[in-house]
Structure formats: structure tokens, C-alpha cells
N, C-alpha and C. Protein backbone atom coordinates (compact mmCIF):
# COMPACT_ATOMS: atom_id res chain seq x y z
N MET A 1 51.04 21.88 69.71
CA MET A 1 49.72 21.62 69.25
C MET A 1 49.77 20.71 67.98
N VAL A 2 48.96 19.70 68.01
CA VAL A 2 48.88 18.75 66.87
C VAL A 2 47.92 19.25 65.85
N LYS A 3 48.36 19.38 64.60
CA LYS A 3 47.45 19.79 63.53
C LYS A 3 46.70 18.57 63.07
N ARG A 4 45.43 18.72 62.83
CA ARG A 4 44.58 17.67 62.32
C ARG A 4 43.87 18.11 61.06
N ILE A 5 43.65 17.19 60.18
CA ILE A 5 42.91 17.50 58.98
C ILE A 5 41.43 17.73 59.38
N LYS A 6 40.85 18.75 58.78
CA LYS A 6 39.46 19.06 59.11
C LYS A 6 38.67 19.31 57.82
N LYS A 7 37.36 19.33 57.94
CA LYS A 7 36.47 19.61 56.84
C LYS A 7 36.88 20.95 56.21
N GLY A 8 36.97 20.97 54.86
CA GLY A 8 37.33 22.22 54.17
C GLY A 8 38.80 22.31 53.80
N ASP A 9 39.63 21.44 54.42
CA ASP A 9 41.07 21.44 54.03
C ASP A 9 41.23 20.79 52.67
N PHE A 10 42.37 21.07 52.03
CA PHE A 10 42.69 20.45 50.76
C PHE A 10 43.83 19.45 51.01
N VAL A 11 43.68 18.27 50.38
CA VAL A 11 44.58 17.16 50.64
C VAL A 11 44.92 16.42 49.35
N SER A 12 45.96 15.62 49.40
CA SER A 12 46.24 14.61 48.38
C SER A 12 45.90 13.26 48.99
N VAL A 13 45.47 12.33 48.12
CA VAL A 13 45.05 11.03 48.61
C VAL A 13 45.79 9.92 47.82
N ASN A 14 46.58 9.12 48.52
CA ASN A 14 47.43 8.10 47.89
C ASN A 14 47.19 6.72 48.52
N PHE A 15 47.25 5.70 47.66
CA PHE A 15 47.25 4.34 48.13
C PHE A 15 48.67 3.82 47.90
N ASN A 16 49.50 3.95 48.91
CA ASN A 16 50.93 3.66 48.78
C ASN A 16 51.20 2.19 48.50
N SER A 17 50.38 1.29 49.02
CA SER A 17 50.66 -0.14 48.85
C SER A 17 50.56 -0.57 47.39
N VAL A 18 49.76 0.12 46.59
CA VAL A 18 49.63 -0.15 45.16
C VAL A 18 50.20 0.96 44.28
N MET A 19 50.89 1.91 44.91
CA MET A 19 51.50 3.05 44.23
C MET A 19 50.48 3.73 43.29
N PHE A 20 49.35 4.17 43.84
CA PHE A 20 48.29 4.83 43.05
C PHE A 20 47.89 6.10 43.76
N THR A 21 47.79 7.19 43.02
CA THR A 21 47.30 8.45 43.54
C THR A 21 45.89 8.64 43.06
N LEU A 22 44.96 8.73 44.00
CA LEU A 22 43.55 8.97 43.69
C LEU A 22 43.35 10.40 43.23
N THR A 23 43.96 11.34 43.95
CA THR A 23 43.88 12.75 43.61
C THR A 23 45.05 13.51 44.21
N LYS A 24 45.55 14.44 43.47
CA LYS A 24 46.64 15.29 44.00
C LYS A 24 46.11 16.47 44.79
N ARG A 25 44.85 16.81 44.57
CA ARG A 25 44.24 17.94 45.29
C ARG A 25 42.73 17.73 45.38
N ALA A 26 42.24 17.63 46.62
CA ALA A 26 40.82 17.43 46.84
C ALA A 26 40.42 18.17 48.14
N LYS A 27 39.18 18.62 48.17
CA LYS A 27 38.64 19.26 49.35
C LYS A 27 37.99 18.18 50.20
N VAL A 28 38.26 18.25 51.50
CA VAL A 28 37.65 17.31 52.44
C VAL A 28 36.25 17.74 52.74
N LEU A 29 35.28 16.88 52.41
CA LEU A 29 33.90 17.18 52.70
C LEU A 29 33.40 16.53 53.96
N CYS A 30 34.02 15.36 54.31
CA CYS A 30 33.57 14.63 55.51
C CYS A 30 34.73 13.75 55.98
N LEU A 31 34.93 13.66 57.30
CA LEU A 31 35.93 12.82 57.88
C LEU A 31 35.28 11.64 58.52
N PRO A 32 35.97 10.46 58.56
CA PRO A 32 35.40 9.30 59.27
C PRO A 32 35.41 9.58 60.76
N CYS A 33 34.33 9.20 61.43
CA CYS A 33 34.17 9.43 62.87
C CYS A 33 34.28 8.14 63.63
N GLN A 34 33.99 7.01 63.01
CA GLN A 34 34.03 5.72 63.71
C GLN A 34 34.33 4.67 62.68
N PRO A 35 34.69 3.46 63.12
CA PRO A 35 34.99 2.38 62.17
C PRO A 35 33.81 2.17 61.22
N GLY A 36 34.14 1.98 59.96
CA GLY A 36 33.12 1.79 58.91
C GLY A 36 32.75 3.06 58.18
N ASP A 37 33.08 4.22 58.76
CA ASP A 37 32.80 5.50 58.08
C ASP A 37 33.79 5.74 56.95
N SER A 38 33.46 6.65 56.07
CA SER A 38 34.31 6.99 54.93
C SER A 38 34.80 8.42 55.01
N TRP A 39 35.94 8.65 54.40
CA TRP A 39 36.35 10.00 54.03
C TRP A 39 35.51 10.38 52.80
N VAL A 40 35.17 11.64 52.65
CA VAL A 40 34.52 12.06 51.42
C VAL A 40 35.35 13.26 50.89
N PHE A 41 35.81 13.15 49.66
CA PHE A 41 36.63 14.17 49.03
C PHE A 41 36.01 14.61 47.71
N GLU A 42 36.19 15.92 47.42
CA GLU A 42 35.81 16.45 46.11
C GLU A 42 37.07 16.81 45.36
N ASP A 43 37.33 16.13 44.26
CA ASP A 43 38.53 16.35 43.48
C ASP A 43 38.48 17.80 42.89
N SER A 44 39.53 18.55 43.13
CA SER A 44 39.57 19.94 42.70
C SER A 44 39.68 20.12 41.19
N HIS A 45 40.19 19.09 40.49
CA HIS A 45 40.40 19.20 39.06
C HIS A 45 39.18 18.68 38.27
N THR A 46 38.57 17.62 38.75
CA THR A 46 37.49 16.97 37.98
C THR A 46 36.09 17.23 38.56
N GLY A 47 36.03 17.61 39.85
CA GLY A 47 34.77 17.76 40.51
C GLY A 47 34.18 16.42 40.99
N ASP A 48 34.88 15.31 40.73
CA ASP A 48 34.39 14.02 41.18
C ASP A 48 34.37 13.96 42.68
N ILE A 49 33.37 13.24 43.24
CA ILE A 49 33.23 12.99 44.66
C ILE A 49 33.69 11.58 44.90
N HIS A 50 34.63 11.43 45.84
CA HIS A 50 35.19 10.10 46.20
C HIS A 50 34.84 9.79 47.65
N TYR A 51 34.28 8.59 47.89
CA TYR A 51 34.07 8.04 49.20
C TYR A 51 35.15 7.01 49.40
N VAL A 52 35.98 7.18 50.43
CA VAL A 52 37.12 6.29 50.65
C VAL A 52 36.98 5.69 52.05
N SER A 53 36.89 4.35 52.09
CA SER A 53 36.75 3.67 53.40
C SER A 53 37.89 2.70 53.66
N GLU A 54 38.83 2.58 52.73
CA GLU A 54 39.97 1.71 52.94
C GLU A 54 41.20 2.54 53.27
N GLY A 55 42.24 1.82 53.72
CA GLY A 55 43.46 2.47 54.11
C GLY A 55 44.13 3.27 53.01
N CYS A 56 44.42 4.54 53.30
CA CYS A 56 45.08 5.40 52.35
C CYS A 56 45.89 6.43 53.13
N THR A 57 46.75 7.09 52.41
CA THR A 57 47.52 8.18 53.00
C THR A 57 46.90 9.50 52.56
N VAL A 58 46.45 10.27 53.54
CA VAL A 58 45.85 11.58 53.26
C VAL A 58 46.80 12.62 53.77
N THR A 59 47.30 13.49 52.88
CA THR A 59 48.28 14.51 53.22
C THR A 59 47.68 15.87 52.99
N ILE A 60 47.70 16.69 54.01
CA ILE A 60 47.16 18.05 53.89
C ILE A 60 48.11 18.86 52.98
N THR A 61 47.49 19.53 52.05
CA THR A 61 48.28 20.43 51.15
C THR A 61 47.98 21.88 51.36
N GLN A 62 46.77 22.18 51.90
CA GLN A 62 46.38 23.58 52.24
C GLN A 62 45.26 23.54 53.24
N GLU A 63 45.38 24.35 54.26
CA GLU A 63 44.32 24.43 55.25
C GLU A 63 43.13 25.19 54.64
N GLY A 64 41.93 24.74 55.01
CA GLY A 64 40.71 25.43 54.55
C GLY A 64 40.53 26.76 55.23
N GLU A 65 39.59 27.49 54.75
CA GLU A 65 39.36 28.84 55.30
C GLU A 65 38.23 28.86 56.28
């Protein structure tokens, strides 16, 4: 069975091409469903909401409940 990131999971978000970490821990609020859609993350440390529509590496750190 292939595990997939889902709404409510906690992830880290990195832009590897520029060696930048957007957040080490964020809750997934929304996943992109089609081209042009954005990921929406809530940073667990700052509460900031991030909309990400460009290429990034999203790594699951904890499954949601």
C-alpha cells in the first residue's frame, strides 16, 4: 500500500534547489488537486499560513489523526 500525504498530516516543506526550509513542521490544510492549485500549510511554530504553488519537497513527519 502506498502512503499518501493527506489533510491533517504534519510535514516539513523544503525548496531543495535553493537550499531553503519554509517550515520544519506544518499541518496540511489543503492539497493541490489539479495544475495551478496550491498546497496550504499552517506552520506549527508560528501559526503562519503558507500557500505553495511551486515545486517543493514535502516530507511527512507525522500522520494526522
